[in-house]
Amino acid sequence: MGSYALGFRALDDFHGSGEVGFRTGAFRTAAANSHLYYEAPTLKTGVTNFVVFCPVSKCSFDPDLIVCVTETSTAQALLRA
């Protein structure tokens, strides 16, 4: 899901069908897993060249996009900023 969501590769039929999550037991049905792939926000395929995972304060360049992974309370504060 990660490389697809970040635009590094197109969604293949096997993953898009939801079978992976269903077969591994992560989802009760393939349809539920498939819904995740088609409803989750993603970047267009081929747009992303590089991804850096680091605290913003340690980033040595000015990023085009920042993806925040945080607790809900912190995310709410960021959305109001």
PDB file of N, CA and C in Angstrom:
ATOM      1  N   MET A   1       0.831  -1.191   0.000  1.00  0.00           N
ATOM      2  CA  MET A   1       0.000   0.000   0.000  1.00  0.00           C
ATOM      3  C   MET A   1       0.873   1.251   0.000  1.00  0.00           C
ATOM      4  N   GLY A   2       1.976   1.225   0.722  1.00  0.00           N
ATOM      5  CA  GLY A   2       2.809   2.416   0.852  1.00  0.00           C
ATOM      6  C   GLY A   2       3.347   2.939  -0.459  1.00  0.00           C
ATOM      7  N   SER A   3       3.943   2.062  -1.270  1.00  0.00           N
ATOM      8  CA  SER A   3       4.509   2.528  -2.539  1.00  0.00           C
ATOM      9  C   SER A   3       3.415   2.956  -3.514  1.00  0.00           C
ATOM     10  N   TYR A   4       2.244   2.345  -3.421  1.00  0.00           N
ATOM     11  CA  TYR A   4       1.108   2.764  -4.246  1.00  0.00           C
ATOM     12  C   TYR A   4       0.596   4.122  -3.785  1.00  0.00           C
ATOM     13  N   ALA A   5       0.423   4.298  -2.490  1.00  0.00           N
ATOM     14  CA  ALA A   5      -0.104   5.557  -1.944  1.00  0.00           C
ATOM     15  C   ALA A   5       0.828   6.731  -2.231  1.00  0.00           C
ATOM     16  N   LEU A   6       2.130   6.473  -2.255  1.00  0.00           N
ATOM     17  CA  LEU A   6       3.102   7.535  -2.513  1.00  0.00           C
ATOM     18  C   LEU A   6       3.351   7.768  -3.995  1.00  0.00           C
ATOM     19  N   GLY A   7       2.697   7.013  -4.874  1.00  0.00           N
ATOM     20  CA  GLY A   7       2.808   7.235  -6.307  1.00  0.00           C
ATOM     21  C   GLY A   7       3.994   6.579  -6.980  1.00  0.00           C
ATOM     22  N   PHE A   8       4.654   5.658  -6.294  1.00  0.00           N
ATOM     23  CA  PHE A   8       5.815   5.000  -6.892  1.00  0.00           C
ATOM     24  C   PHE A   8       5.427   3.892  -7.863  1.00  0.00           C
ATOM     25  N   ARG A   9       4.232   3.331  -7.714  1.00  0.00           N
ATOM     26  CA  ARG A   9       3.811   2.267  -8.627  1.00  0.00           C
ATOM     27  C   ARG A   9       2.295   2.313  -8.803  1.00  0.00           C
ATOM     28  N   ALA A  10       1.841   1.767  -9.904  1.00  0.00           N
ATOM     29  CA  ALA A  10       0.403   1.676 -10.164  1.00  0.00           C
ATOM     30  C   ALA A  10      -0.183   0.526  -9.352  1.00  0.00           C
ATOM     31  N   LEU A  11      -1.454   0.557  -9.152  1.00  0.00           N
ATOM     32  CA  LEU A  11      -2.150  -0.497  -8.418  1.00  0.00           C
ATOM     33  C   LEU A  11      -2.333  -1.697  -9.330  1.00  0.00           C
ATOM     34  N   ASP A  12      -1.831  -2.858  -8.902  1.00  0.00           N
ATOM     35  CA  ASP A  12      -2.020  -4.059  -9.710  1.00  0.00           C
ATOM     36  C   ASP A  12      -3.354  -4.719  -9.366  1.00  0.00           C
ATOM     37  N   ASP A  13      -3.806  -5.592 -10.239  1.00  0.00           N
ATOM     38  CA  ASP A  13      -5.126  -6.221 -10.078  1.00  0.00           C
ATOM     39  C   ASP A  13      -5.242  -7.039  -8.802  1.00  0.00           C
ATOM     40  N   PHE A  14      -4.193  -7.749  -8.433  1.00  0.00           N
ATOM     41  CA  PHE A  14      -4.261  -8.613  -7.246  1.00  0.00           C
ATOM     42  C   PHE A  14      -4.465  -7.797  -5.981  1.00  0.00           C
ATOM     43  N   HIS A  15      -3.691  -6.739  -5.806  1.00  0.00           N
ATOM     44  CA  HIS A  15      -3.849  -5.901  -4.623  1.00  0.00           C
ATOM     45  C   HIS A  15      -5.165  -5.119  -4.675  1.00  0.00           C
ATOM     46  N   GLY A  16      -5.500  -4.585  -5.830  1.00  0.00           N
ATOM     47  CA  GLY A  16      -6.714  -3.804  -5.985  1.00  0.00           C
ATOM     48  C   GLY A  16      -7.983  -4.605  -5.766  1.00  0.00           C
ATOM     49  N   SER A  17      -7.886  -5.913  -5.980  1.00  0.00           N
ATOM     50  CA  SER A  17      -9.062  -6.764  -5.767  1.00  0.00           C
ATOM     51  C   SER A  17      -9.346  -6.959  -4.284  1.00  0.00           C
ATOM     52  N   GLY A  18      -8.355  -6.678  -3.433  1.00  0.00           N
ATOM     53  CA  GLY A  18      -8.528  -6.860  -1.997  1.00  0.00           C
ATOM     54  C   GLY A  18      -8.164  -8.236  -1.505  1.00  0.00           C
ATOM     55  N   GLU A  19      -7.722  -9.107  -2.393  1.00  0.00           N
ATOM     56  CA  GLU A  19      -7.412 -10.486  -2.016  1.00  0.00           C
ATOM     57  C   GLU A  19      -6.264 -10.591  -1.015  1.00  0.00           C
ATOM     58  N   VAL A  20      -5.284  -9.704  -1.107  1.00  0.00           N
ATOM     59  CA  VAL A  20      -4.133  -9.789  -0.203  1.00  0.00           C
ATOM     60  C   VAL A  20      -4.575  -9.636   1.250  1.00  0.00           C
ATOM     61  N   GLY A  21      -5.304  -8.583   1.547  1.00  0.00           N
ATOM     62  CA  GLY A  21      -5.759  -8.365   2.916  1.00  0.00           C
ATOM     63  C   GLY A  21      -6.717  -9.426   3.403  1.00  0.00           C
ATOM     64  N   PHE A  22      -7.534  -9.948   2.508  1.00  0.00           N
ATOM     65  CA  PHE A  22      -8.472 -11.007   2.858  1.00  0.00           C
ATOM     66  C   PHE A  22      -7.731 -12.304   3.168  1.00  0.00           C
ATOM     67  N   ARG A  23      -6.795 -12.682   2.321  1.00  0.00           N
ATOM     68  CA  ARG A  23      -6.057 -13.944   2.506  1.00  0.00           C
ATOM     69  C   ARG A  23      -5.166 -13.920   3.746  1.00  0.00           C
ATOM     70  N   THR A  24      -4.651 -12.751   4.099  1.00  0.00           N
ATOM     71  CA  THR A  24      -3.806 -12.667   5.297  1.00  0.00           C
ATOM     72  C   THR A  24      -4.617 -12.528   6.575  1.00  0.00           C
ATOM     73  N   GLY A  25      -5.929 -12.350   6.431  1.00  0.00           N
ATOM     74  CA  GLY A  25      -6.789 -12.243   7.603  1.00  0.00           C
ATOM     75  C   GLY A  25      -6.924 -10.837   8.149  1.00  0.00           C
ATOM     76  N   ALA A  26      -6.359  -9.861   7.465  1.00  0.00           N
ATOM     77  CA  ALA A  26      -6.453  -8.479   7.934  1.00  0.00           C
ATOM     78  C   ALA A  26      -7.855  -7.909   7.730  1.00  0.00           C
ATOM     79  N   PHE A  27      -8.592  -8.446   6.750  1.00  0.00           N
ATOM     80  CA  PHE A  27      -9.952  -8.001   6.440  1.00  0.00           C
ATOM     81  C   PHE A  27     -10.864  -9.214   6.352  1.00  0.00           C
ATOM     82  N   ARG A  28     -12.113  -9.047   6.730  1.00  0.00           N
ATOM     83  CA  ARG A  28     -13.077 -10.153   6.673  1.00  0.00           C
ATOM     84  C   ARG A  28     -13.488 -10.501   5.250  1.00  0.00           C
ATOM     85  N   THR A  29     -13.461  -9.496   4.376  1.00  0.00           N
ATOM     86  CA  THR A  29     -13.818  -9.729   2.974  1.00  0.00           C
ATOM     87  C   THR A  29     -12.817  -9.027   2.066  1.00  0.00           C
ATOM     88  N   ALA A  30     -12.706  -9.527   0.840  1.00  0.00           N
ATOM     89  CA  ALA A  30     -11.840  -8.872  -0.141  1.00  0.00           C
ATOM     90  C   ALA A  30     -12.385  -7.491  -0.495  1.00  0.00           C
ATOM     91  N   ALA A  31     -13.706  -7.364  -0.492  1.00  0.00           N
ATOM     92  CA  ALA A  31     -14.322  -6.077  -0.837  1.00  0.00           C
ATOM     93  C   ALA A  31     -13.931  -4.986   0.159  1.00  0.00           C
ATOM     94  N   ALA A  32     -13.844  -5.340   1.439  1.00  0.00           N
ATOM     95  CA  ALA A  32     -13.452  -4.354   2.452  1.00  0.00           C
ATOM     96  C   ALA A  32     -12.035  -3.861   2.211  1.00  0.00           C
ATOM     97  N   ASN A  33     -11.133  -4.775   1.879  1.00  0.00           N
ATOM     98  CA  ASN A  33      -9.754  -4.387   1.600  1.00  0.00           C
ATOM     99  C   ASN A  33      -9.668  -3.594   0.302  1.00  0.00           C
ATOM    100  N   SER A  34     -10.402  -3.986  -0.709  1.00  0.00           N
ATOM    101  CA  SER A  34     -10.418  -3.278  -1.980  1.00  0.00           C
ATOM    102  C   SER A  34     -10.884  -1.836  -1.798  1.00  0.00           C
ATOM    103  N   HIS A  35     -11.863  -1.647  -0.936  1.00  0.00           N
ATOM    104  CA  HIS A  35     -12.384  -0.309  -0.652  1.00  0.00           C
ATOM    105  C   HIS A  35     -11.264   0.611  -0.164  1.00  0.00           C
ATOM    106  N   LEU A  36     -10.365   0.074   0.657  1.00  0.00           N
ATOM    107  CA  LEU A  36      -9.240   0.855   1.173  1.00  0.00           C
ATOM    108  C   LEU A  36      -8.380   1.390   0.027  1.00  0.00           C
ATOM    109  N   TYR A  37      -8.086   0.547  -0.949  1.00  0.00           N
ATOM    110  CA  TYR A  37      -7.237   0.963  -2.062  1.00  0.00           C
ATOM    111  C   TYR A  37      -7.880   2.045  -2.924  1.00  0.00           C
ATOM    112  N   TYR A  38      -9.174   1.957  -3.109  1.00  0.00           N
ATOM    113  CA  TYR A  38      -9.840   2.898  -4.015  1.00  0.00           C
ATOM    114  C   TYR A  38     -10.349   4.158  -3.326  1.00  0.00           C
ATOM    115  N   GLU A  39     -10.429   4.169  -2.010  1.00  0.00           N
ATOM    116  CA  GLU A  39     -10.937   5.336  -1.299  1.00  0.00           C
ATOM    117  C   GLU A  39      -9.846   6.124  -0.565  1.00  0.00           C
ATOM    118  N   ALA A  40      -8.717   5.513  -0.317  1.00  0.00           N
ATOM    119  CA  ALA A  40      -7.633   6.192   0.399  1.00  0.00           C
ATOM    120  C   ALA A  40      -6.986   7.242  -0.506  1.00  0.00           C
ATOM    121  N   PRO A  41      -6.597   8.382   0.050  1.00  0.00           N
ATOM    122  CA  PRO A  41      -5.908   9.392  -0.768  1.00  0.00           C
ATOM    123  C   PRO A  41      -4.536   8.884  -1.215  1.00  0.00           C
ATOM    124  N   THR A  42      -4.192   9.153  -2.461  1.00  0.00           N
ATOM    125  CA  THR A  42      -2.900   8.735  -3.005  1.00  0.00           C
ATOM    126  C   THR A  42      -2.335   9.848  -3.881  1.00  0.00           C
ATOM    127  N   LEU A  43      -1.048   9.772  -4.130  1.00  0.00           N
ATOM    128  CA  LEU A  43      -0.405  10.665  -5.091  1.00  0.00           C
ATOM    129  C   LEU A  43      -0.462   9.995  -6.459  1.00  0.00           C
ATOM    130  N   LYS A  44      -0.492  10.786  -7.530  1.00  0.00           N
ATOM    131  CA  LYS A  44      -0.527  10.226  -8.879  1.00  0.00           C
ATOM    132  C   LYS A  44       0.723   9.391  -9.134  1.00  0.00           C
ATOM    133  N   THR A  45       0.539   8.302  -9.840  1.00  0.00           N
ATOM    134  CA  THR A  45       1.663   7.434 -10.188  1.00  0.00           C
ATOM    135  C   THR A  45       2.664   8.195 -11.048  1.00  0.00           C
ATOM    136  N   GLY A  46       3.941   8.102 -10.683  1.00  0.00           N
ATOM    137  CA  GLY A  46       5.005   8.733 -11.449  1.00  0.00           C
ATOM    138  C   GLY A  46       5.336  10.160 -11.053  1.00  0.00           C
ATOM    139  N   VAL A  47       4.587  10.749 -10.135  1.00  0.00           N
ATOM    140  CA  VAL A  47       4.824  12.139  -9.727  1.00  0.00           C
ATOM    141  C   VAL A  47       5.936  12.216  -8.677  1.00  0.00           C
ATOM    142  N   THR A  48       5.991  11.248  -7.800  1.00  0.00           N
ATOM    143  CA  THR A  48       6.952  11.249  -6.698  1.00  0.00           C
ATOM    144  C   THR A  48       8.296  10.707  -7.150  1.00  0.00           C
ATOM    145  N   ASN A  49       9.364  11.440  -6.846  1.00  0.00           N
ATOM    146  CA  ASN A  49      10.714  10.976  -7.166  1.00  0.00           C
ATOM    147  C   ASN A  49      11.438  10.431  -5.944  1.00  0.00           C
ATOM    148  N   PHE A  50      11.271  11.091  -4.804  1.00  0.00           N
ATOM    149  CA  PHE A  50      11.983  10.694  -3.594  1.00  0.00           C
ATOM    150  C   PHE A  50      11.095  10.907  -2.386  1.00  0.00           C
ATOM    151  N   VAL A  51      11.317  10.106  -1.351  1.00  0.00           N
ATOM    152  CA  VAL A  51      10.620  10.261  -0.078  1.00  0.00           C
ATOM    153  C   VAL A  51      11.663  10.198   1.024  1.00  0.00           C
ATOM    154  N   VAL A  52      11.577  11.123   1.952  1.00  0.00           N
ATOM    155  CA  VAL A  52      12.479  11.147   3.095  1.00  0.00           C
ATOM    156  C   VAL A  52      11.619  11.074   4.352  1.00  0.00           C
ATOM    157  N   PHE A  53      11.953  10.174   5.241  1.00  0.00           N
ATOM    158  CA  PHE A  53      11.270  10.068   6.523  1.00  0.00           C
ATOM    159  C   PHE A  53      12.180  10.635   7.603  1.00  0.00           C
ATOM    160  N   CYS A  54      11.783  11.767   8.175  1.00  0.00           N
ATOM    161  CA  CYS A  54      12.582  12.390   9.229  1.00  0.00           C
ATOM    162  C   CYS A  54      11.752  13.458   9.932  1.00  0.00           C
ATOM    163  N   PRO A  55      12.165  13.847  11.127  1.00  0.00           N
ATOM    164  CA  PRO A  55      11.500  14.986  11.771  1.00  0.00           C
ATOM    165  C   PRO A  55      11.708  16.237  10.917  1.00  0.00           C
ATOM    166  N   VAL A  56      10.698  17.079  10.812  1.00  0.00           N
ATOM    167  CA  VAL A  56      10.795  18.295   9.990  1.00  0.00           C
ATOM    168  C   VAL A  56      11.979  19.146  10.422  1.00  0.00           C
ATOM    169  N   SER A  57      12.243  19.210  11.713  1.00  0.00           N
ATOM    170  CA  SER A  57      13.343  20.037  12.224  1.00  0.00           C
ATOM    171  C   SER A  57      14.714  19.543  11.753  1.00  0.00           C
ATOM    172  N   LYS A  58      14.802  18.292  11.317  1.00  0.00           N
ATOM    173  CA  LYS A  58      16.078  17.746  10.867  1.00  0.00           C
ATOM    174  C   LYS A  58      16.188  17.659   9.347  1.00  0.00           C
ATOM    175  N   CYS A  59      15.167  18.106   8.633  1.00  0.00           N
ATOM    176  CA  CYS A  59      15.175  18.054   7.173  1.00  0.00           C
ATOM    177  C   CYS A  59      16.122  19.141   6.645  1.00  0.00           C
ATOM    178  N   SER A  60      17.054  18.751   5.774  1.00  0.00           N
ATOM    179  CA  SER A  60      18.077  19.694   5.303  1.00  0.00           C
ATOM    180  C   SER A  60      17.652  20.453   4.040  1.00  0.00           C
ATOM    181  N   PHE A  61      16.388  20.309   3.612  1.00  0.00           N
ATOM    182  CA  PHE A  61      15.902  21.016   2.431  1.00  0.00           C
ATOM    183  C   PHE A  61      14.456  21.430   2.666  1.00  0.00           C
ATOM    184  N   ASP A  62      13.932  22.243   1.769  1.00  0.00           N
ATOM    185  CA  ASP A  62      12.551  22.713   1.879  1.00  0.00           C
ATOM    186  C   ASP A  62      11.641  21.738   1.136  1.00  0.00           C
ATOM    187  N   PRO A  63      10.882  20.900   1.851  1.00  0.00           N
ATOM    188  CA  PRO A  63      10.070  19.870   1.178  1.00  0.00           C
ATOM    189  C   PRO A  63       8.864  20.454   0.442  1.00  0.00           C
ATOM    190  N   ASP A  64       8.439  19.766  -0.605  1.00  0.00           N
ATOM    191  CA  ASP A  64       7.232  20.148  -1.345  1.00  0.00           C
ATOM    192  C   ASP A  64       5.976  19.713  -0.601  1.00  0.00           C
ATOM    193  N   LEU A  65       6.065  18.636   0.149  1.00  0.00           N
ATOM    194  CA  LEU A  65       4.919  18.070   0.848  1.00  0.00           C
ATOM    195  C   LEU A  65       5.384  17.478   2.175  1.00  0.00           C
ATOM    196  N   ILE A  66       4.595  17.687   3.200  1.00  0.00           N
ATOM    197  CA  ILE A  66       4.884  17.088   4.501  1.00  0.00           C
ATOM    198  C   ILE A  66       3.695  16.224   4.888  1.00  0.00           C
ATOM    199  N   VAL A  67       3.962  14.965   5.187  1.00  0.00           N
ATOM    200  CA  VAL A  67       2.934  14.043   5.661  1.00  0.00           C
ATOM    201  C   VAL A  67       3.179  13.852   7.149  1.00  0.00           C
ATOM    202  N   CYS A  68       2.196  14.175   7.953  1.00  0.00           N
ATOM    203  CA  CYS A  68       2.328  14.075   9.406  1.00  0.00           C
ATOM    204  C   CYS A  68       1.691  12.791   9.912  1.00  0.00           C
ATOM    205  N   VAL A  69       2.428  12.060  10.715  1.00  0.00           N
ATOM    206  CA  VAL A  69       1.920  10.866  11.380  1.00  0.00           C
ATOM    207  C   VAL A  69       1.977  11.175  12.866  1.00  0.00           C
ATOM    208  N   THR A  70       0.800  11.266  13.488  1.00  0.00           N
ATOM    209  CA  THR A  70       0.755  11.711  14.869  1.00  0.00           C
ATOM    210  C   THR A  70      -0.515  11.238  15.570  1.00  0.00           C
ATOM    211  N   GLU A  71      -0.601  11.498  16.835  1.00  0.00           N
ATOM    212  CA  GLU A  71      -1.803  11.200  17.605  1.00  0.00           C
ATOM    213  C   GLU A  71      -2.916  12.156  17.185  1.00  0.00           C
ATOM    214  N   THR A  72      -4.156  11.757  17.407  1.00  0.00           N
ATOM    215  CA  THR A  72      -5.314  12.560  17.006  1.00  0.00           C
ATOM    216  C   THR A  72      -5.297  13.952  17.612  1.00  0.00           C
ATOM    217  N   SER A  73      -4.963  14.063  18.883  1.00  0.00           N
ATOM    218  CA  SER A  73      -4.968  15.375  19.534  1.00  0.00           C
ATOM    219  C   SER A  73      -3.953  16.321  18.898  1.00  0.00           C
ATOM    220  N   THR A  74      -2.809  15.820  18.523  1.00  0.00           N
ATOM    221  CA  THR A  74      -1.799  16.636  17.865  1.00  0.00           C
ATOM    222  C   THR A  74      -2.246  16.998  16.447  1.00  0.00           C
ATOM    223  N   ALA A  75      -2.864  16.055  15.754  1.00  0.00           N
ATOM    224  CA  ALA A  75      -3.354  16.327  14.401  1.00  0.00           C
ATOM    225  C   ALA A  75      -4.404  17.419  14.417  1.00  0.00           C
ATOM    226  N   GLN A  76      -5.262  17.418  15.414  1.00  0.00           N
ATOM    227  CA  GLN A  76      -6.290  18.454  15.520  1.00  0.00           C
ATOM    228  C   GLN A  76      -5.655  19.831  15.682  1.00  0.00           C
ATOM    229  N   ALA A  77      -4.599  19.923  16.473  1.00  0.00           N
ATOM    230  CA  ALA A  77      -3.876  21.188  16.648  1.00  0.00           C
ATOM    231  C   ALA A  77      -3.216  21.626  15.348  1.00  0.00           C
ATOM    232  N   LEU A  78      -2.632  20.681  14.605  1.00  0.00           N
ATOM    233  CA  LEU A  78      -1.996  21.007  13.324  1.00  0.00           C
ATOM    234  C   LEU A  78      -3.012  21.517  12.307  1.00  0.00           C
ATOM    235  N   LEU A  79      -4.189  20.923  12.289  1.00  0.00           N
ATOM    236  CA  LEU A  79      -5.225  21.365  11.350  1.00  0.00           C
ATOM    237  C   LEU A  79      -5.726  22.760  11.646  1.00  0.00           C
ATOM    238  N   ARG A  80      -5.665  23.173  12.908  1.00  0.00           N
ATOM    239  CA  ARG A  80      -6.100  24.525  13.277  1.00  0.00           C
ATOM    240  C   ARG A  80      -5.012  25.567  13.055  1.00  0.00           C
ATOM    241  N   ALA A  81      -3.772  25.138  12.915  1.00  0.00           N
ATOM    242  CA  ALA A  81      -2.652  26.080  12.775  1.00  0.00           C
ATOM    243  C   ALA A  81      -2.655  26.784  11.434  1.00  0.00           C
TER     244      ALA A  81
END
